[in-house]
């Protein structure tokens, strides 16, 4: 599998066992040296187990590109390197040369505690809390404390709810995401939430069909179910849109938006609703 790159457009996957701030700064500095490049950055913070890494790799395989990583745990790091090698994806650990040089100069072995480079300030703890909350409230989980969220994302399957939620968490927003299924209407408390901004995500049925089809193929399953039937998908999307309209939920169409663009639009909506909540 080669990186998904069209002309000067590429995907950058930033995989970190902490908040990913360091990687974001490194990526930004590197991209500044190139003109006319459209880099779509995908943030994968707090990756500290092989199981979590496997879920991240499923998403990376859908949007192959360059992986930039900082991982302390040897087992997680080795698994990432093996998976990238099997997929033919390039990866780089930008801190390795600096840590190696410092280790040799100081005569010390570097600490194996992830995230130690960050100053323990209020913004840092807010991001960590947001990331922890978001991981626990993925795919409709944790409904008992949805009210504690800053943002709640809702949409049918494969409308980029999880990666968008993770990106928002990395910006400090506690984000829950909830799948909408026609056969099982959402819990009534979803549309009775007071503090969280509930946002509906939707996309073009044709694009959704392709994403779902590729997802099934990547799992070795035959794409011959209602899950990838265009008529069924159109009904699903219409069902979700009716729900959003009935409950005055703002809707963002992610068909032609990157995760970053979707997140930026959501943050603007959140700030308009909570002008006192400054990032």
C-alpha atoms as a PDB file:
ATOM      1  CA  UNK A   1       0.000   0.000   0.000  1.00  0.00           C
ATOM      2  CA  UNK A   2       1.505   3.296  -1.064  1.00  0.00           C
ATOM      3  CA  UNK A   3       0.792   6.640   0.618  1.00  0.00           C
ATOM      4  CA  UNK A   4      -2.366   8.387  -0.565  1.00  0.00           C
ATOM      5  CA  UNK A   5      -0.788  11.322  -2.342  1.00  0.00           C
ATOM      6  CA  UNK A   6      -2.187  13.375  -5.207  1.00  0.00           C
ATOM      7  CA  UNK A   7       0.135  16.039  -6.632  1.00  0.00           C
ATOM      8  CA  UNK A   8       1.011  18.203  -3.598  1.00  0.00           C
ATOM      9  CA  UNK A   9      -1.627  16.679  -1.307  1.00  0.00           C
ATOM     10  CA  UNK A  10      -0.698  14.162   1.357  1.00  0.00           C
ATOM     11  CA  UNK A  11      -1.877  12.665   4.628  1.00  0.00           C
ATOM     12  CA  UNK A  12       0.238  13.070   7.763  1.00  0.00           C
ATOM     13  CA  UNK A  13      -0.519  10.784  10.702  1.00  0.00           C
ATOM     14  CA  UNK A  14       0.795  12.035  14.044  1.00  0.00           C
ATOM     15  CA  UNK A  15       0.898   9.108  16.480  1.00  0.00           C
ATOM     16  CA  UNK A  16       1.792   9.931  20.073  1.00  0.00           C
ATOM     17  CA  UNK A  17       1.626   8.361  23.524  1.00  0.00           C
ATOM     18  CA  UNK A  18       0.950  11.832  24.906  1.00  0.00           C
ATOM     19  CA  UNK A  19      -1.064  14.796  23.602  1.00  0.00           C
ATOM     20  CA  UNK A  20       0.790  15.066  20.275  1.00  0.00           C
ATOM     21  CA  UNK A  21       1.781  18.715  20.737  1.00  0.00           C
ATOM     22  CA  UNK A  22       5.434  17.990  19.992  1.00  0.00           C
ATOM     23  CA  UNK A  23       4.600  16.185  16.766  1.00  0.00           C
ATOM     24  CA  UNK A  24       2.280  18.972  15.645  1.00  0.00           C
ATOM     25  CA  UNK A  25       5.079  21.524  16.082  1.00  0.00           C
ATOM     26  CA  UNK A  26       7.563  19.327  14.211  1.00  0.00           C
ATOM     27  CA  UNK A  27       5.129  18.706  11.352  1.00  0.00           C
ATOM     28  CA  UNK A  28       4.332  22.410  11.098  1.00  0.00           C
ATOM     29  CA  UNK A  29       8.013  23.338  10.995  1.00  0.00           C
ATOM     30  CA  UNK A  30       8.754  20.732   8.339  1.00  0.00           C
ATOM     31  CA  UNK A  31       5.827  21.674   6.106  1.00  0.00           C
ATOM     32  CA  UNK A  32       6.858  25.340   6.247  1.00  0.00           C
ATOM     33  CA  UNK A  33       9.817  24.419   4.051  1.00  0.00           C
ATOM     34  CA  UNK A  34       7.589  23.381   1.161  1.00  0.00           C
ATOM     35  CA  UNK A  35       5.294  25.566  -0.922  1.00  0.00           C
ATOM     36  CA  UNK A  36       1.878  24.664  -2.255  1.00  0.00           C
ATOM     37  CA  UNK A  37       1.507  21.513  -0.163  1.00  0.00           C
ATOM     38  CA  UNK A  38      -1.905  20.542   1.160  1.00  0.00           C
ATOM     39  CA  UNK A  39      -1.188  18.426   4.223  1.00  0.00           C
ATOM     40  CA  UNK A  40      -4.124  16.694   5.871  1.00  0.00           C
ATOM     41  CA  UNK A  41      -3.036  16.031   9.437  1.00  0.00           C
ATOM     42  CA  UNK A  42      -4.582  13.236  11.469  1.00  0.00           C
ATOM     43  CA  UNK A  43      -3.956  13.276  15.211  1.00  0.00           C
ATOM     44  CA  UNK A  44      -3.748  10.019  17.164  1.00  0.00           C
ATOM     45  CA  UNK A  45      -2.882  10.963  20.772  1.00  0.00           C
ATOM     46  CA  UNK A  46      -2.553   8.861  23.957  1.00  0.00           C
ATOM     47  CA  UNK A  47      -1.674   5.656  22.082  1.00  0.00           C
ATOM     48  CA  UNK A  48      -0.285   3.538  24.913  1.00  0.00           C
ATOM     49  CA  UNK A  49      -1.433  -0.007  24.155  1.00  0.00           C
ATOM     50  CA  UNK A  50      -1.178  -2.392  21.228  1.00  0.00           C
ATOM     51  CA  UNK A  51      -4.963  -2.700  21.088  1.00  0.00           C
ATOM     52  CA  UNK A  52      -5.354   1.075  20.748  1.00  0.00           C
ATOM     53  CA  UNK A  53      -2.624   1.120  18.105  1.00  0.00           C
ATOM     54  CA  UNK A  54      -4.432  -1.569  16.092  1.00  0.00           C
ATOM     55  CA  UNK A  55      -7.568   0.604  15.987  1.00  0.00           C
ATOM     56  CA  UNK A  56      -5.488   3.578  14.871  1.00  0.00           C
ATOM     57  CA  UNK A  57      -3.808   1.514  12.160  1.00  0.00           C
ATOM     58  CA  UNK A  58      -7.205   0.596  10.708  1.00  0.00           C
ATOM     59  CA  UNK A  59      -7.878   4.298  10.175  1.00  0.00           C
ATOM     60  CA  UNK A  60      -4.371   4.956   8.828  1.00  0.00           C
ATOM     61  CA  UNK A  61      -4.775   2.131   6.315  1.00  0.00           C
ATOM     62  CA  UNK A  62      -7.853   3.935   4.947  1.00  0.00           C
ATOM     63  CA  UNK A  63      -5.850   7.151   4.405  1.00  0.00           C
ATOM     64  CA  UNK A  64      -2.252   6.020   3.891  1.00  0.00           C
ATOM     65  CA  UNK A  65       0.487   8.604   4.236  1.00  0.00           C
ATOM     66  CA  UNK A  66       3.542   9.520   6.275  1.00  0.00           C
ATOM     67  CA  UNK A  67       3.464   8.461   9.934  1.00  0.00           C
ATOM     68  CA  UNK A  68       5.365  10.658  12.391  1.00  0.00           C
ATOM     69  CA  UNK A  69       5.473   9.175  15.858  1.00  0.00           C
ATOM     70  CA  UNK A  70       6.711   9.469  19.420  1.00  0.00           C
ATOM     71  CA  UNK A  71       6.146   6.243  21.323  1.00  0.00           C
ATOM     72  CA  UNK A  72       8.022   5.224  24.473  1.00  0.00           C
ATOM     73  CA  UNK A  73       6.636   1.736  25.022  1.00  0.00           C
ATOM     74  CA  UNK A  74       8.847  -0.730  23.166  1.00  0.00           C
ATOM     75  CA  UNK A  75       6.056  -3.183  22.370  1.00  0.00           C
ATOM     76  CA  UNK A  76       3.718  -0.533  20.950  1.00  0.00           C
ATOM     77  CA  UNK A  77       6.553   1.037  18.975  1.00  0.00           C
ATOM     78  CA  UNK A  78       7.661  -2.288  17.523  1.00  0.00           C
ATOM     79  CA  UNK A  79       4.088  -3.138  16.532  1.00  0.00           C
ATOM     80  CA  UNK A  80       3.717   0.211  14.761  1.00  0.00           C
ATOM     81  CA  UNK A  81       6.943  -0.369  12.841  1.00  0.00           C
ATOM     82  CA  UNK A  82       5.865  -3.889  11.837  1.00  0.00           C
ATOM     83  CA  UNK A  83       2.412  -2.776  10.688  1.00  0.00           C
ATOM     84  CA  UNK A  84       3.839   0.107   8.655  1.00  0.00           C
ATOM     85  CA  UNK A  85       6.383  -2.222   7.054  1.00  0.00           C
ATOM     86  CA  UNK A  86       3.641  -4.674   6.060  1.00  0.00           C
ATOM     87  CA  UNK A  87       1.569  -1.826   4.575  1.00  0.00           C
ATOM     88  CA  UNK A  88       4.559  -0.218   2.863  1.00  0.00           C
ATOM     89  CA  UNK A  89       4.048   3.080   4.682  1.00  0.00           C
ATOM     90  CA  UNK A  90       6.883   5.473   5.542  1.00  0.00           C
ATOM     91  CA  UNK A  91       7.385   6.446   9.170  1.00  0.00           C
ATOM     92  CA  UNK A  92       9.795   8.543  11.166  1.00  0.00           C
ATOM     93  CA  UNK A  93      10.494   9.103  14.858  1.00  0.00           C
ATOM     94  CA  UNK A  94      11.883  12.666  14.852  1.00  0.00           C
ATOM     95  CA  UNK A  95      13.043  12.729  18.481  1.00  0.00           C
ATOM     96  CA  UNK A  96      15.261   9.631  18.231  1.00  0.00           C
ATOM     97  CA  UNK A  97      18.460  11.405  16.999  1.00  0.00           C
ATOM     98  CA  UNK A  98      18.203  14.104  19.678  1.00  0.00           C
ATOM     99  CA  UNK A  99      17.457  11.646  22.491  1.00  0.00           C
ATOM    100  CA  UNK A 100      20.302   9.391  21.330  1.00  0.00           C
ATOM    101  CA  UNK A 101      22.795  12.252  21.272  1.00  0.00           C
ATOM    102  CA  UNK A 102      21.708  13.493  24.708  1.00  0.00           C
ATOM    103  CA  UNK A 103      21.882   9.987  26.143  1.00  0.00           C
ATOM    104  CA  UNK A 104      25.444   9.545  24.908  1.00  0.00           C
ATOM    105  CA  UNK A 105      26.554  12.984  26.070  1.00  0.00           C
ATOM    106  CA  UNK A 106      24.960  12.733  29.519  1.00  0.00           C
ATOM    107  CA  UNK A 107      25.763   9.082  30.073  1.00  0.00           C
ATOM    108  CA  UNK A 108      22.141   8.396  30.999  1.00  0.00           C
ATOM    109  CA  UNK A 109      19.372   6.227  29.652  1.00  0.00           C
ATOM    110  CA  UNK A 110      16.358   8.317  28.628  1.00  0.00           C
ATOM    111  CA  UNK A 111      13.247   8.043  30.784  1.00  0.00           C
ATOM    112  CA  UNK A 112      10.499   5.753  29.543  1.00  0.00           C
ATOM    113  CA  UNK A 113       7.665   7.894  30.861  1.00  0.00           C
ATOM    114  CA  UNK A 114       5.465   9.231  28.036  1.00  0.00           C
ATOM    115  CA  UNK A 115       4.549  12.896  28.056  1.00  0.00           C
ATOM    116  CA  UNK A 116       7.253  13.984  30.521  1.00  0.00           C
ATOM    117  CA  UNK A 117       8.327  16.812  28.196  1.00  0.00           C
ATOM    118  CA  UNK A 118       5.133  18.788  28.795  1.00  0.00           C
ATOM    119  CA  UNK A 119       4.785  21.498  31.383  1.00  0.00           C
ATOM    120  CA  UNK A 120       1.985  20.547  33.748  1.00  0.00           C
ATOM    121  CA  UNK A 121      -0.116  23.652  33.149  1.00  0.00           C
ATOM    122  CA  UNK A 122      -3.884  24.086  33.099  1.00  0.00           C
ATOM    123  CA  UNK A 123      -4.139  23.751  29.306  1.00  0.00           C
ATOM    124  CA  UNK A 124      -2.160  20.506  29.375  1.00  0.00           C
ATOM    125  CA  UNK A 125      -4.435  18.916  31.980  1.00  0.00           C
ATOM    126  CA  UNK A 126      -7.485  20.104  30.053  1.00  0.00           C
ATOM    127  CA  UNK A 127      -6.264  18.298  26.941  1.00  0.00           C
ATOM    128  CA  UNK A 128      -5.456  15.127  28.866  1.00  0.00           C
ATOM    129  CA  UNK A 129      -8.891  15.165  30.511  1.00  0.00           C
ATOM    130  CA  UNK A 130     -10.539  15.771  27.145  1.00  0.00           C
ATOM    131  CA  UNK A 131      -8.649  12.908  25.506  1.00  0.00           C
ATOM    132  CA  UNK A 132      -9.450  10.500  28.331  1.00  0.00           C
ATOM    133  CA  UNK A 133     -13.138  11.482  28.251  1.00  0.00           C
ATOM    134  CA  UNK A 134     -13.314  11.141  24.473  1.00  0.00           C
ATOM    135  CA  UNK A 135     -11.724   7.684  24.430  1.00  0.00           C
ATOM    136  CA  UNK A 136     -14.242   6.418  27.006  1.00  0.00           C
ATOM    137  CA  UNK A 137     -17.217   7.969  25.167  1.00  0.00           C
ATOM    138  CA  UNK A 138     -16.603   6.604  21.690  1.00  0.00           C
ATOM    139  CA  UNK A 139     -19.378   4.993  19.645  1.00  0.00           C
ATOM    140  CA  UNK A 140     -22.246   5.796  22.011  1.00  0.00           C
ATOM    141  CA  UNK A 141     -20.587   4.626  25.222  1.00  0.00           C
ATOM    142  CA  UNK A 142     -20.921   6.319  28.603  1.00  0.00           C
ATOM    143  CA  UNK A 143     -24.373   7.842  28.128  1.00  0.00           C
ATOM    144  CA  UNK A 144     -24.712   8.435  31.872  1.00  0.00           C
ATOM    145  CA  UNK A 145     -22.391  11.434  31.710  1.00  0.00           C
ATOM    146  CA  UNK A 146     -22.882  12.829  28.208  1.00  0.00           C
ATOM    147  CA  UNK A 147     -23.864  16.064  29.950  1.00  0.00           C
ATOM    148  CA  UNK A 148     -20.208  16.514  30.956  1.00  0.00           C
ATOM    149  CA  UNK A 149     -19.150  16.697  27.304  1.00  0.00           C
ATOM    150  CA  UNK A 150     -18.358  19.935  25.533  1.00  0.00           C
ATOM    151  CA  UNK A 151     -19.375  18.518  22.159  1.00  0.00           C
ATOM    152  CA  UNK A 152     -21.445  15.510  21.107  1.00  0.00           C
ATOM    153  CA  UNK A 153     -21.171  14.263  17.521  1.00  0.00           C
ATOM    154  CA  UNK A 154     -23.951  12.184  15.955  1.00  0.00           C
ATOM    155  CA  UNK A 155     -24.166  10.525  12.559  1.00  0.00           C
ATOM    156  CA  UNK A 156     -24.586   7.266  10.703  1.00  0.00           C
ATOM    157  CA  UNK A 157     -21.718   4.807  10.471  1.00  0.00           C
ATOM    158  CA  UNK A 158     -18.465   6.007   8.821  1.00  0.00           C
ATOM    159  CA  UNK A 159     -19.161   9.749   8.857  1.00  0.00           C
ATOM    160  CA  UNK A 160     -15.772  10.456  10.512  1.00  0.00           C
ATOM    161  CA  UNK A 161     -17.181  10.772  14.025  1.00  0.00           C
ATOM    162  CA  UNK A 162     -14.292   9.090  15.870  1.00  0.00           C
ATOM    163  CA  UNK A 163     -11.331  10.810  14.148  1.00  0.00           C
ATOM    164  CA  UNK A 164     -13.108  14.170  14.427  1.00  0.00           C
ATOM    165  CA  UNK A 165     -13.756  13.552  18.126  1.00  0.00           C
ATOM    166  CA  UNK A 166     -10.107  12.659  18.706  1.00  0.00           C
ATOM    167  CA  UNK A 167      -8.957  15.806  16.917  1.00  0.00           C
ATOM    168  CA  UNK A 168     -11.312  17.930  19.022  1.00  0.00           C
ATOM    169  CA  UNK A 169     -10.079  16.229  22.187  1.00  0.00           C
ATOM    170  CA  UNK A 170      -6.526  17.120  21.243  1.00  0.00           C
ATOM    171  CA  UNK A 171      -7.694  20.731  21.138  1.00  0.00           C
ATOM    172  CA  UNK A 172      -9.103  20.394  24.671  1.00  0.00           C
ATOM    173  CA  UNK A 173     -12.773  19.631  23.991  1.00  0.00           C
ATOM    174  CA  UNK A 174     -14.420  16.680  25.727  1.00  0.00           C
ATOM    175  CA  UNK A 175     -16.199  14.986  22.851  1.00  0.00           C
ATOM    176  CA  UNK A 176     -18.622  12.066  22.780  1.00  0.00           C
ATOM    177  CA  UNK A 177     -19.761  10.486  19.527  1.00  0.00           C
ATOM    178  CA  UNK A 178     -22.962   8.577  18.913  1.00  0.00           C
ATOM    179  CA  UNK A 179     -23.875   6.341  15.959  1.00  0.00           C
ATOM    180  CA  UNK A 180     -27.353   6.732  14.484  1.00  0.00           C
ATOM    181  CA  UNK A 181     -29.007   3.474  13.519  1.00  0.00           C
ATOM    182  CA  UNK A 182     -32.481   3.346  11.995  1.00  0.00           C
ATOM    183  CA  UNK A 183     -33.376   0.091  13.750  1.00  0.00           C
ATOM    184  CA  UNK A 184     -32.362   1.503  17.158  1.00  0.00           C
ATOM    185  CA  UNK A 185     -33.290   5.184  17.646  1.00  0.00           C
ATOM    186  CA  UNK A 186     -30.848   7.178  19.798  1.00  0.00           C
ATOM    187  CA  UNK A 187     -31.357   7.501  23.522  1.00  0.00           C
ATOM    188  CA  UNK A 188     -33.843  10.315  24.266  1.00  0.00           C
ATOM    189  CA  UNK A 189     -31.339  12.140  26.492  1.00  0.00           C
ATOM    190  CA  UNK A 190     -29.233  12.924  23.418  1.00  0.00           C
ATOM    191  CA  UNK A 191     -31.562  15.726  22.388  1.00  0.00           C
ATOM    192  CA  UNK A 192     -32.189  16.904  25.959  1.00  0.00           C
ATOM    193  CA  UNK A 193     -28.564  17.765  26.754  1.00  0.00           C
ATOM    194  CA  UNK A 194     -28.044  21.268  28.146  1.00  0.00           C
ATOM    195  CA  UNK A 195     -24.311  22.035  28.165  1.00  0.00           C
ATOM    196  CA  UNK A 196     -22.897  20.064  25.232  1.00  0.00           C
ATOM    197  CA  UNK A 197     -23.159  21.296  21.669  1.00  0.00           C
ATOM    198  CA  UNK A 198     -24.757  18.477  19.680  1.00  0.00           C
ATOM    199  CA  UNK A 199     -23.595  18.440  16.046  1.00  0.00           C
ATOM    200  CA  UNK A 200     -24.827  16.176  13.267  1.00  0.00           C
ATOM    201  CA  UNK A 201     -22.325  14.851  10.726  1.00  0.00           C
ATOM    202  CA  UNK A 202     -23.496  13.768   7.299  1.00  0.00           C
ATOM    203  CA  UNK A 203     -21.987  12.988   3.916  1.00  0.00           C
ATOM    204  CA  UNK A 204     -22.979  12.172   0.347  1.00  0.00           C
ATOM    205  CA  UNK A 205     -24.451   8.639   0.077  1.00  0.00           C
ATOM    206  CA  UNK A 206     -22.155   7.780  -2.857  1.00  0.00           C
ATOM    207  CA  UNK A 207     -19.053   8.656  -0.843  1.00  0.00           C
ATOM    208  CA  UNK A 208     -20.382   6.767   2.162  1.00  0.00           C
ATOM    209  CA  UNK A 209     -20.932   3.685   0.026  1.00  0.00           C
ATOM    210  CA  UNK A 210     -17.309   3.750  -1.170  1.00  0.00           C
ATOM    211  CA  UNK A 211     -15.949   4.227   2.358  1.00  0.00           C
ATOM    212  CA  UNK A 212     -18.034   1.383   3.743  1.00  0.00           C
ATOM    213  CA  UNK A 213     -17.177  -0.889   0.841  1.00  0.00           C
ATOM    214  CA  UNK A 214     -13.452  -0.287   1.330  1.00  0.00           C
ATOM    215  CA  UNK A 215     -13.876  -0.860   5.057  1.00  0.00           C
ATOM    216  CA  UNK A 216     -15.449  -4.289   4.528  1.00  0.00           C
ATOM    217  CA  UNK A 217     -12.833  -5.273   1.961  1.00  0.00           C
ATOM    218  CA  UNK A 218     -10.031  -4.278   4.350  1.00  0.00           C
ATOM    219  CA  UNK A 219     -11.583  -6.631   6.917  1.00  0.00           C
ATOM    220  CA  UNK A 220     -11.779  -9.450   4.390  1.00  0.00           C
ATOM    221  CA  UNK A 221     -15.585  -9.339   4.215  1.00  0.00           C
ATOM    222  CA  UNK A 222     -17.766  -9.385   1.117  1.00  0.00           C
ATOM    223  CA  UNK A 223     -19.434  -6.026   0.376  1.00  0.00           C
ATOM    224  CA  UNK A 224     -22.844  -7.481  -0.410  1.00  0.00           C
ATOM    225  CA  UNK A 225     -24.942  -6.344   2.554  1.00  0.00           C
ATOM    226  CA  UNK A 226     -27.394  -3.504   3.185  1.00  0.00           C
ATOM    227  CA  UNK A 227     -24.472  -1.727   4.841  1.00  0.00           C
ATOM    228  CA  UNK A 228     -23.101  -0.856   1.373  1.00  0.00           C
ATOM    229  CA  UNK A 229     -26.353  -0.801  -0.604  1.00  0.00           C
ATOM    230  CA  UNK A 230     -26.809   2.692  -2.051  1.00  0.00           C
ATOM    231  CA  UNK A 231     -30.576   2.663  -1.588  1.00  0.00           C
ATOM    232  CA  UNK A 232     -30.262   1.651   2.048  1.00  0.00           C
ATOM    233  CA  UNK A 233     -27.558   4.255   2.633  1.00  0.00           C
ATOM    234  CA  UNK A 234     -29.715   7.008   1.119  1.00  0.00           C
ATOM    235  CA  UNK A 235     -32.494   6.019   3.520  1.00  0.00           C
ATOM    236  CA  UNK A 236     -30.041   6.088   6.451  1.00  0.00           C
ATOM    237  CA  UNK A 237     -28.748   9.549   5.549  1.00  0.00           C
ATOM    238  CA  UNK A 238     -32.298  10.870   5.126  1.00  0.00           C
ATOM    239  CA  UNK A 239     -33.251   9.368   8.499  1.00  0.00           C
ATOM    240  CA  UNK A 240     -30.345  11.150  10.209  1.00  0.00           C
ATOM    241  CA  UNK A 241     -31.115  14.466   8.519  1.00  0.00           C
ATOM    242  CA  UNK A 242     -34.748  14.274   9.657  1.00  0.00           C
ATOM    243  CA  UNK A 243     -33.607  13.674  13.225  1.00  0.00           C
ATOM    244  CA  UNK A 244     -31.276  16.671  13.082  1.00  0.00           C
ATOM    245  CA  UNK A 245     -33.978  18.902  11.609  1.00  0.00           C
ATOM    246  CA  UNK A 246     -36.612  17.778  14.136  1.00  0.00           C
ATOM    247  CA  UNK A 247     -34.315  18.694  17.035  1.00  0.00           C
ATOM    248  CA  UNK A 248     -32.668  21.824  15.569  1.00  0.00           C
ATOM    249  CA  UNK A 249     -29.237  20.184  15.525  1.00  0.00           C
ATOM    250  CA  UNK A 250     -26.634  21.981  13.376  1.00  0.00           C
ATOM    251  CA  UNK A 251     -25.387  19.782  10.556  1.00  0.00           C
ATOM    252  CA  UNK A 252     -21.966  19.653   8.918  1.00  0.00           C
ATOM    253  CA  UNK A 253     -21.511  17.875   5.603  1.00  0.00           C
ATOM    254  CA  UNK A 254     -18.095  16.184   5.687  1.00  0.00           C
ATOM    255  CA  UNK A 255     -18.147  15.074   2.044  1.00  0.00           C
ATOM    256  CA  UNK A 256     -15.473  17.518   0.918  1.00  0.00           C
ATOM    257  CA  UNK A 257     -13.997  18.455   4.278  1.00  0.00           C
ATOM    258  CA  UNK A 258     -10.853  17.186   5.958  1.00  0.00           C
ATOM    259  CA  UNK A 259     -11.036  16.262   9.636  1.00  0.00           C
ATOM    260  CA  UNK A 260      -9.348  19.577  10.452  1.00  0.00           C
ATOM    261  CA  UNK A 261     -11.884  21.559   8.450  1.00  0.00           C
ATOM    262  CA  UNK A 262     -14.783  19.747  10.082  1.00  0.00           C
ATOM    263  CA  UNK A 263     -13.301  20.305  13.538  1.00  0.00           C
ATOM    264  CA  UNK A 264     -12.715  24.001  12.836  1.00  0.00           C
ATOM    265  CA  UNK A 265     -16.365  24.442  11.841  1.00  0.00           C
ATOM    266  CA  UNK A 266     -17.478  22.657  15.020  1.00  0.00           C
ATOM    267  CA  UNK A 267     -15.204  24.785  17.198  1.00  0.00           C
ATOM    268  CA  UNK A 268     -16.676  27.925  15.641  1.00  0.00           C
ATOM    269  CA  UNK A 269     -20.172  26.686  16.508  1.00  0.00           C
ATOM    270  CA  UNK A 270     -19.072  25.869  20.050  1.00  0.00           C
ATOM    271  CA  UNK A 271     -17.485  29.286  20.567  1.00  0.00           C
ATOM    272  CA  UNK A 272     -20.601  30.995  19.304  1.00  0.00           C
ATOM    273  CA  UNK A 273     -22.643  29.071  21.850  1.00  0.00           C
ATOM    274  CA  UNK A 274     -20.083  29.394  24.680  1.00  0.00           C
ATOM    275  CA  UNK A 275     -18.202  32.663  24.066  1.00  0.00           C
ATOM    276  CA  UNK A 276     -16.912  32.544  27.641  1.00  0.00           C
ATOM    277  CA  UNK A 277     -15.104  29.262  27.004  1.00  0.00           C
ATOM    278  CA  UNK A 278     -11.800  30.357  25.483  1.00  0.00           C
ATOM    279  CA  UNK A 279      -9.450  27.648  24.326  1.00  0.00           C
END
